[in-house]
PDB file of N, CA and C in Angstrom:
ATOM      1  N   UNK A   1     112.333  81.481 107.035  1.00  0.00           N
ATOM      2  CA  UNK A   1     111.884  80.498 107.877  1.00  0.00           C
ATOM      3  C   UNK A   1     110.951  79.580 107.185  1.00  0.00           C
ATOM      4  N   UNK A   2     111.009  78.333 107.601  1.00  0.00           N
ATOM      5  CA  UNK A   2     109.968  77.330 106.982  1.00  0.00           C
ATOM      6  C   UNK A   2     108.881  77.130 107.851  1.00  0.00           C
ATOM      7  N   UNK A   3     107.613  77.022 107.260  1.00  0.00           N
ATOM      8  CA  UNK A   3     106.373  76.713 108.061  1.00  0.00           C
ATOM      9  C   UNK A   3     105.692  75.500 107.530  1.00  0.00           C
ATOM     10  N   UNK A   4     104.830  74.811 108.192  1.00  0.00           N
ATOM     11  CA  UNK A   4     104.103  73.787 107.737  1.00  0.00           C
ATOM     12  C   UNK A   4     102.679  73.813 108.032  1.00  0.00           C
ATOM     13  N   UNK A   5     101.825  73.238 107.289  1.00  0.00           N
ATOM     14  CA  UNK A   5     100.346  73.213 107.265  1.00  0.00           C
ATOM     15  C   UNK A   5      99.855  71.800 107.103  1.00  0.00           C
ATOM     16  N   UNK A   6      99.377  71.159 108.227  1.00  0.00           N
ATOM     17  CA  UNK A   6      98.858  69.917 108.098  1.00  0.00           C
ATOM     18  C   UNK A   6      99.742  68.902 107.166  1.00  0.00           C
ATOM     19  N   UNK A   7     100.873  68.777 107.478  1.00  0.00           N
ATOM     20  CA  UNK A   7     101.758  67.905 106.685  1.00  0.00           C
ATOM     21  C   UNK A   7     102.219  68.595 105.353  1.00  0.00           C
ATOM     22  N   UNK A   8     101.869  69.818 105.112  1.00  0.00           N
ATOM     23  CA  UNK A   8     102.318  70.558 103.803  1.00  0.00           C
ATOM     24  C   UNK A   8     103.303  71.552 104.338  1.00  0.00           C
ATOM     25  N   UNK A   9     104.523  71.464 103.796  1.00  0.00           N
ATOM     26  CA  UNK A   9     105.476  72.433 104.157  1.00  0.00           C
ATOM     27  C   UNK A   9     105.603  73.656 103.092  1.00  0.00           C
ATOM     28  N   UNK A  10     105.765  74.822 103.525  1.00  0.00           N
ATOM     29  CA  UNK A  10     105.952  75.901 102.639  1.00  0.00           C
ATOM     30  C   UNK A  10     107.080  76.892 103.104  1.00  0.00           C
ATOM     31  N   UNK A  11     107.530  77.576 102.385  1.00  0.00           N
ATOM     32  CA  UNK A  11     108.483  78.624 102.686  1.00  0.00           C
ATOM     33  C   UNK A  11     107.649  79.923 102.715  1.00  0.00           C
ATOM     34  N   UNK A  12     107.974  80.807 103.553  1.00  0.00           N
ATOM     35  CA  UNK A  12     107.307  82.149 103.602  1.00  0.00           C
ATOM     36  C   UNK A  12     108.105  83.301 104.064  1.00  0.00           C
ATOM     37  N   UNK A  13     107.792  84.593 103.591  1.00  0.00           N
ATOM     38  CA  UNK A  13     108.547  85.706 104.058  1.00  0.00           C
ATOM     39  C   UNK A  13     107.452  86.714 104.133  1.00  0.00           C
ATOM     40  N   UNK A  14     107.556  87.569 105.253  1.00  0.00           N
ATOM     41  CA  UNK A  14     106.671  88.581 105.457  1.00  0.00           C
ATOM     42  C   UNK A  14     107.035  89.849 104.495  1.00  0.00           C
ATOM     43  N   UNK A  15     105.973  90.524 104.028  1.00  0.00           N
ATOM     44  CA  UNK A  15     106.168  91.741 103.098  1.00  0.00           C
ATOM     45  C   UNK A  15     106.473  92.865 104.128  1.00  0.00           C
ATOM     46  N   UNK A  16     107.637  93.323 104.069  1.00  0.00           N
ATOM     47  CA  UNK A  16     108.015  94.583 104.797  1.00  0.00           C
ATOM     48  C   UNK A  16     108.600  95.647 103.742  1.00  0.00           C
ATOM     49  N   UNK A  17     108.132  96.812 103.904  1.00  0.00           N
ATOM     50  CA  UNK A  17     108.385  97.828 102.958  1.00  0.00           C
ATOM     51  C   UNK A  17     109.753  98.675 103.324  1.00  0.00           C
ATOM     52  N   UNK A  18     110.905  97.917 103.077  1.00  0.00           N
ATOM     53  CA  UNK A  18     112.152  98.581 103.193  1.00  0.00           C
ATOM     54  C   UNK A  18     113.039  97.909 102.156  1.00  0.00           C
ATOM     55  N   UNK A  19     114.014  98.726 101.804  1.00  0.00           N
ATOM     56  CA  UNK A  19     114.988  98.271 100.684  1.00  0.00           C
ATOM     57  C   UNK A  19     115.653  96.800 100.865  1.00  0.00           C
ATOM     58  N   UNK A  20     116.099  96.562 102.015  1.00  0.00           N
ATOM     59  CA  UNK A  20     116.754  95.349 102.325  1.00  0.00           C
ATOM     60  C   UNK A  20     115.831  94.142 102.376  1.00  0.00           C
ATOM     61  N   UNK A  21     114.598  94.369 102.909  1.00  0.00           N
ATOM     62  CA  UNK A  21     113.579  93.407 102.885  1.00  0.00           C
ATOM     63  C   UNK A  21     113.040  92.969 101.605  1.00  0.00           C
ATOM     64  N   UNK A  22     112.994  94.054 100.729  1.00  0.00           N
ATOM     65  CA  UNK A  22     112.341  93.887  99.410  1.00  0.00           C
ATOM     66  C   UNK A  22     113.423  93.143  98.577  1.00  0.00           C
ATOM     67  N   UNK A  23     114.652  93.380  98.854  1.00  0.00           N
ATOM     68  CA  UNK A  23     115.696  92.733  97.975  1.00  0.00           C
ATOM     69  C   UNK A  23     115.652  91.111  98.397  1.00  0.00           C
ATOM     70  N   UNK A  24     115.561  90.948  99.603  1.00  0.00           N
ATOM     71  CA  UNK A  24     115.390  89.465 100.061  1.00  0.00           C
ATOM     72  C   UNK A  24     114.153  88.796  99.493  1.00  0.00           C
ATOM     73  N   UNK A  25     113.048  89.641  99.574  1.00  0.00           N
ATOM     74  CA  UNK A  25     111.808  89.108  99.039  1.00  0.00           C
ATOM     75  C   UNK A  25     111.975  88.766  97.489  1.00  0.00           C
ATOM     76  N   UNK A  26     112.652  89.652  96.759  1.00  0.00           N
ATOM     77  CA  UNK A  26     112.768  89.355  95.313  1.00  0.00           C
ATOM     78  C   UNK A  26     113.464  88.054  95.037  1.00  0.00           C
ATOM     79  N   UNK A  27     114.714  87.929  95.857  1.00  0.00           N
ATOM     80  CA  UNK A  27     115.453  86.622  95.785  1.00  0.00           C
ATOM     81  C   UNK A  27     114.419  85.474  96.188  1.00  0.00           C
ATOM     82  N   UNK A  28     113.679  85.542  97.207  1.00  0.00           N
ATOM     83  CA  UNK A  28     112.839  84.442  97.717  1.00  0.00           C
ATOM     84  C   UNK A  28     111.725  84.143  96.529  1.00  0.00           C
ATOM     85  N   UNK A  29     111.371  85.171  95.795  1.00  0.00           N
ATOM     86  CA  UNK A  29     110.309  85.005  94.803  1.00  0.00           C
ATOM     87  C   UNK A  29     110.905  84.730  93.431  1.00  0.00           C
ATOM     88  N   UNK A  30     112.068  84.016  93.578  1.00  0.00           N
ATOM     89  CA  UNK A  30     112.790  83.515  92.241  1.00  0.00           C
ATOM     90  C   UNK A  30     113.065  84.655  91.400  1.00  0.00           C
ATOM     91  N   UNK A  31     113.490  85.862  91.961  1.00  0.00           N
ATOM     92  CA  UNK A  31     113.998  87.042  91.111  1.00  0.00           C
ATOM     93  C   UNK A  31     112.820  87.588  90.407  1.00  0.00           C
ATOM     94  N   UNK A  32     111.582  87.378  90.815  1.00  0.00           N
ATOM     95  CA  UNK A  32     110.346  88.059  90.283  1.00  0.00           C
ATOM     96  C   UNK A  32     110.531  89.458  90.401  1.00  0.00           C
ATOM     97  N   UNK A  33     110.278  90.309  89.341  1.00  0.00           N
ATOM     98  CA  UNK A  33     110.354  91.867  89.450  1.00  0.00           C
ATOM     99  C   UNK A  33     109.252  92.098  90.529  1.00  0.00           C
ATOM    100  N   UNK A  34     109.727  92.786  91.509  1.00  0.00           N
ATOM    101  CA  UNK A  34     108.817  93.375  92.509  1.00  0.00           C
ATOM    102  C   UNK A  34     108.116  94.654  92.072  1.00  0.00           C
ATOM    103  N   UNK A  35     106.833  94.639  92.191  1.00  0.00           N
ATOM    104  CA  UNK A  35     106.141  95.904  91.818  1.00  0.00           C
ATOM    105  C   UNK A  35     105.238  96.312  93.091  1.00  0.00           C
ATOM    106  N   UNK A  36     105.781  97.448  93.691  1.00  0.00           N
ATOM    107  CA  UNK A  36     105.215  97.896  94.968  1.00  0.00           C
ATOM    108  C   UNK A  36     104.368  99.223  94.539  1.00  0.00           C
ATOM    109  N   UNK A  37     103.224  99.174  94.732  1.00  0.00           N
ATOM    110  CA  UNK A  37     102.299 100.299  94.342  1.00  0.00           C
ATOM    111  C   UNK A  37     102.158 101.216  95.569  1.00  0.00           C
ATOM    112  N   UNK A  38     102.587 102.434  95.345  1.00  0.00           N
ATOM    113  CA  UNK A  38     102.485 103.470  96.347  1.00  0.00           C
ATOM    114  C   UNK A  38     101.462 104.548  96.169  1.00  0.00           C
ATOM    115  N   UNK A  39     100.390 104.244  95.398  1.00  0.00           N
ATOM    116  CA  UNK A  39      99.249 105.092  95.207  1.00  0.00           C
ATOM    117  C   UNK A  39      98.765 105.717  96.509  1.00  0.00           C
ATOM    118  N   UNK A  40      98.636 104.721  97.501  1.00  0.00           N
ATOM    119  CA  UNK A  40      98.338 105.306  98.865  1.00  0.00           C
ATOM    120  C   UNK A  40      99.580 105.081  99.657  1.00  0.00           C
ATOM    121  N   UNK A  41     100.296 106.304  99.903  1.00  0.00           N
ATOM    122  CA  UNK A  41     101.614 106.388 100.519  1.00  0.00           C
ATOM    123  C   UNK A  41     101.598 105.555 101.922  1.00  0.00           C
ATOM    124  N   UNK A  42     100.558 105.735 102.589  1.00  0.00           N
ATOM    125  CA  UNK A  42     100.424 104.988 104.014  1.00  0.00           C
ATOM    126  C   UNK A  42     100.233 103.587 103.872  1.00  0.00           C
ATOM    127  N   UNK A  43      99.761 103.011 102.787  1.00  0.00           N
ATOM    128  CA  UNK A  43      99.462 101.542 102.599  1.00  0.00           C
ATOM    129  C   UNK A  43      99.892 101.109 101.437  1.00  0.00           C
ATOM    130  N   UNK A  44     101.213 100.999 101.089  1.00  0.00           N
ATOM    131  CA  UNK A  44     101.681 100.287  99.913  1.00  0.00           C
ATOM    132  C   UNK A  44     101.400  98.923  99.727  1.00  0.00           C
ATOM    133  N   UNK A  45     101.102  98.493  98.516  1.00  0.00           N
ATOM    134  CA  UNK A  45     100.802  97.087  98.246  1.00  0.00           C
ATOM    135  C   UNK A  45     101.760  96.542  97.179  1.00  0.00           C
ATOM    136  N   UNK A  46     102.097  95.106  97.325  1.00  0.00           N
ATOM    137  CA  UNK A  46     103.023  94.417  96.512  1.00  0.00           C
ATOM    138  C   UNK A  46     101.987  93.692  95.549  1.00  0.00           C
ATOM    139  N   UNK A  47     102.309  93.828  94.235  1.00  0.00           N
ATOM    140  CA  UNK A  47     101.528  93.229  93.221  1.00  0.00           C
ATOM    141  C   UNK A  47     102.430  91.862  92.861  1.00  0.00           C
ATOM    142  N   UNK A  48     101.762  90.706  92.850  1.00  0.00           N
ATOM    143  CA  UNK A  48     102.468  89.363  92.706  1.00  0.00           C
ATOM    144  C   UNK A  48     101.697  88.555  91.583  1.00  0.00           C
ATOM    145  N   UNK A  49     102.453  88.251  90.650  1.00  0.00           N
ATOM    146  CA  UNK A  49     101.915  87.347  89.565  1.00  0.00           C
ATOM    147  C   UNK A  49     101.816  85.996  90.048  1.00  0.00           C
ATOM    148  N   UNK A  50     100.592  85.377  90.165  1.00  0.00           N
ATOM    149  CA  UNK A  50     100.357  83.984  90.674  1.00  0.00           C
ATOM    150  C   UNK A  50      99.866  83.216  89.489  1.00  0.00           C
ATOM    151  N   UNK A  51      99.648  81.841  89.757  1.00  0.00           N
ATOM    152  CA  UNK A  51      99.026  81.039  88.707  1.00  0.00           C
ATOM    153  C   UNK A  51      97.714  81.474  88.376  1.00  0.00           C
ATOM    154  N   UNK A  52      96.940  82.088  89.292  1.00  0.00           N
ATOM    155  CA  UNK A  52      95.711  82.643  89.189  1.00  0.00           C
ATOM    156  C   UNK A  52      95.428  84.131  88.708  1.00  0.00           C
ATOM    157  N   UNK A  53      96.622  84.734  88.319  1.00  0.00           N
ATOM    158  CA  UNK A  53      96.542  86.048  87.897  1.00  0.00           C
ATOM    159  C   UNK A  53      97.356  86.938  88.869  1.00  0.00           C
ATOM    160  N   UNK A  54      97.112  88.167  88.734  1.00  0.00           N
ATOM    161  CA  UNK A  54      97.688  89.268  89.489  1.00  0.00           C
ATOM    162  C   UNK A  54      97.041  89.344  90.921  1.00  0.00           C
ATOM    163  N   UNK A  55      97.830  89.200  92.063  1.00  0.00           N
ATOM    164  CA  UNK A  55      97.229  89.526  93.403  1.00  0.00           C
ATOM    165  C   UNK A  55      98.056  90.448  94.016  1.00  0.00           C
ATOM    166  N   UNK A  56      97.546  91.062  95.149  1.00  0.00           N
ATOM    167  CA  UNK A  56      98.262  92.035  95.918  1.00  0.00           C
ATOM    168  C   UNK A  56      98.485  91.606  97.399  1.00  0.00           C
ATOM    169  N   UNK A  57      99.448  92.087  98.087  1.00  0.00           N
ATOM    170  CA  UNK A  57      99.738  91.818  99.444  1.00  0.00           C
ATOM    171  C   UNK A  57      99.937  93.305 100.074  1.00  0.00           C
ATOM    172  N   UNK A  58      99.515  93.338 101.285  1.00  0.00           N
ATOM    173  CA  UNK A  58      99.618  94.505 102.124  1.00  0.00           C
ATOM    174  C   UNK A  58     100.831  94.336 102.896  1.00  0.00           C
ATOM    175  N   UNK A  59     101.438  95.375 103.449  1.00  0.00           N
ATOM    176  CA  UNK A  59     102.590  95.373 104.359  1.00  0.00           C
ATOM    177  C   UNK A  59     102.092  94.470 105.510  1.00  0.00           C
ATOM    178  N   UNK A  60     102.960  93.467 105.826  1.00  0.00           N
ATOM    179  CA  UNK A  60     102.584  92.609 106.928  1.00  0.00           C
ATOM    180  C   UNK A  60     101.973  91.300 106.457  1.00  0.00           C
ATOM    181  N   UNK A  61     101.563  91.225 105.302  1.00  0.00           N
ATOM    182  CA  UNK A  61     101.021  89.909 104.730  1.00  0.00           C
ATOM    183  C   UNK A  61     102.325  88.959 104.494  1.00  0.00           C
ATOM    184  N   UNK A  62     102.016  87.670 104.392  1.00  0.00           N
ATOM    185  CA  UNK A  62     103.129  86.790 104.094  1.00  0.00           C
ATOM    186  C   UNK A  62     102.979  86.307 102.505  1.00  0.00           C
ATOM    187  N   UNK A  63     104.218  86.141 101.990  1.00  0.00           N
ATOM    188  CA  UNK A  63     104.438  85.723 100.763  1.00  0.00           C
ATOM    189  C   UNK A  63     104.778  84.171 100.783  1.00  0.00           C
ATOM    190  N   UNK A  64     103.975  83.443 100.259  1.00  0.00           N
ATOM    191  CA  UNK A  64     104.194  81.841 100.419  1.00  0.00           C
ATOM    192  C   UNK A  64     104.661  81.271  99.089  1.00  0.00           C
ATOM    193  N   UNK A  65     105.711  80.349  99.268  1.00  0.00           N
ATOM    194  CA  UNK A  65     106.095  79.640  98.196  1.00  0.00           C
ATOM    195  C   UNK A  65     105.755  78.125  98.457  1.00  0.00           C
ATOM    196  N   UNK A  66     104.961  77.596  97.692  1.00  0.00           N
ATOM    197  CA  UNK A  66     104.519  76.156  98.059  1.00  0.00           C
ATOM    198  C   UNK A  66     105.541  75.103  97.503  1.00  0.00           C
ATOM    199  N   UNK A  67     105.027  73.753  97.788  1.00  0.00           N
ATOM    200  CA  UNK A  67     105.957  72.839  97.227  1.00  0.00           C
ATOM    201  C   UNK A  67     106.282  72.865  95.724  1.00  0.00           C
ATOM    202  N   UNK A  68     105.485  73.299  95.049  1.00  0.00           N
ATOM    203  CA  UNK A  68     105.592  73.304  93.503  1.00  0.00           C
ATOM    204  C   UNK A  68     106.448  74.641  93.069  1.00  0.00           C
ATOM    205  N   UNK A  69     106.815  75.546  94.006  1.00  0.00           N
ATOM    206  CA  UNK A  69     107.428  76.756  93.693  1.00  0.00           C
ATOM    207  C   UNK A  69     106.546  77.897  93.353  1.00  0.00           C
ATOM    208  N   UNK A  70     105.293  77.669  93.468  1.00  0.00           N
ATOM    209  CA  UNK A  70     104.325  78.644  93.134  1.00  0.00           C
ATOM    210  C   UNK A  70     104.153  79.696  94.302  1.00  0.00           C
ATOM    211  N   UNK A  71     104.079  81.054  93.885  1.00  0.00           N
ATOM    212  CA  UNK A  71     104.164  82.135  94.977  1.00  0.00           C
ATOM    213  C   UNK A  71     102.730  82.795  95.041  1.00  0.00           C
ATOM    214  N   UNK A  72     102.307  82.914  96.317  1.00  0.00           N
ATOM    215  CA  UNK A  72     101.022  83.685  96.461  1.00  0.00           C
ATOM    216  C   UNK A  72     100.938  84.331  97.766  1.00  0.00           C
ATOM    217  N   UNK A  73     100.180  85.328  98.045  1.00  0.00           N
ATOM    218  CA  UNK A  73     100.068  86.184  99.211  1.00  0.00           C
ATOM    219  C   UNK A  73      99.160  85.514 100.094  1.00  0.00           C
ATOM    220  N   UNK A  74      99.274  85.799 101.426  1.00  0.00           N
ATOM    221  CA  UNK A  74      98.352  85.338 102.563  1.00  0.00           C
ATOM    222  C   UNK A  74      98.313  86.542 103.588  1.00  0.00           C
ATOM    223  N   UNK A  75      97.185  86.966 103.880  1.00  0.00           N
ATOM    224  CA  UNK A  75      97.154  87.920 104.984  1.00  0.00           C
ATOM    225  C   UNK A  75      97.636  87.364 106.298  1.00  0.00           C
ATOM    226  N   UNK A  76      98.242  88.141 107.150  1.00  0.00           N
ATOM    227  CA  UNK A  76      98.966  87.840 108.254  1.00  0.00           C
ATOM    228  C   UNK A  76      98.117  87.023 109.307  1.00  0.00           C
ATOM    229  N   UNK A  77      96.960  87.406 109.572  1.00  0.00           N
ATOM    230  CA  UNK A  77      96.030  86.630 110.454  1.00  0.00           C
ATOM    231  C   UNK A  77      95.793  85.212 109.971  1.00  0.00           C
ATOM    232  N   UNK A  78      95.361  85.138 108.661  1.00  0.00           N
ATOM    233  CA  UNK A  78      95.160  83.734 108.233  1.00  0.00           C
ATOM    234  C   UNK A  78      96.415  82.889 108.185  1.00  0.00           C
ATOM    235  N   UNK A  79      97.487  83.554 107.951  1.00  0.00           N
ATOM    236  CA  UNK A  79      98.832  82.862 107.833  1.00  0.00           C
ATOM    237  C   UNK A  79      99.151  82.168 109.298  1.00  0.00           C
ATOM    238  N   UNK A  80      99.066  83.143 110.290  1.00  0.00           N
ATOM    239  CA  UNK A  80      99.423  82.683 111.654  1.00  0.00           C
ATOM    240  C   UNK A  80      98.411  81.781 112.292  1.00  0.00           C
ATOM    241  N   UNK A  81      97.216  81.831 111.817  1.00  0.00           N
ATOM    242  CA  UNK A  81      96.292  80.715 112.306  1.00  0.00           C
ATOM    243  C   UNK A  81      96.231  79.368 111.550  1.00  0.00           C
ATOM    244  N   UNK A  82      97.007  79.465 110.348  1.00  0.00           N
ATOM    245  CA  UNK A  82      97.136  78.161 109.616  1.00  0.00           C
ATOM    246  C   UNK A  82      98.507  77.394 109.676  1.00  0.00           C
ATOM    247  N   UNK A  83      99.590  78.346 109.797  1.00  0.00           N
ATOM    248  CA  UNK A  83     100.897  77.705 109.780  1.00  0.00           C
ATOM    249  C   UNK A  83     101.708  77.901 111.092  1.00  0.00           C
ATOM    250  N   UNK A  84     102.534  77.047 111.332  1.00  0.00           N
ATOM    251  CA  UNK A  84     103.437  77.171 112.532  1.00  0.00           C
ATOM    252  C   UNK A  84     104.723  76.881 111.996  1.00  0.00           C
ATOM    253  N   UNK A  85     105.833  77.502 112.697  1.00  0.00           N
ATOM    254  CA  UNK A  85     107.235  77.186 112.389  1.00  0.00           C
ATOM    255  C   UNK A  85     107.502  75.607 112.393  1.00  0.00           C
ATOM    256  N   UNK A  86     108.251  75.205 111.449  1.00  0.00           N
ATOM    257  CA  UNK A  86     108.668  73.832 111.430  1.00  0.00           C
ATOM    258  C   UNK A  86     110.068  73.826 111.898  1.00  0.00           C
ATOM    259  N   UNK A  87     110.221  73.595 113.130  1.00  0.00           N
ATOM    260  CA  UNK A  87     111.561  73.807 113.748  1.00  0.00           C
ATOM    261  C   UNK A  87     112.272  72.336 113.753  1.00  0.00           C
TER     262      UNK A  87
END
């Protein structure tokens, strides 16, 4: 799905911890190797290499690809308050 923010269009996918969703997320992230940390089995986190260094996303967070193709995480509440579907 495509979303927009004040005339800025981004692509985004929600981090869901299941095999099919992770495969789709890997494709979305330009085949970046996905590293999911299961140290806390109830709250896995996705580690994402961003231009600012390694960041993490919790299940339910959105992974955003901006106009330049840069990938970064955004928590669900902030994402839903900032972006709307660009239908």
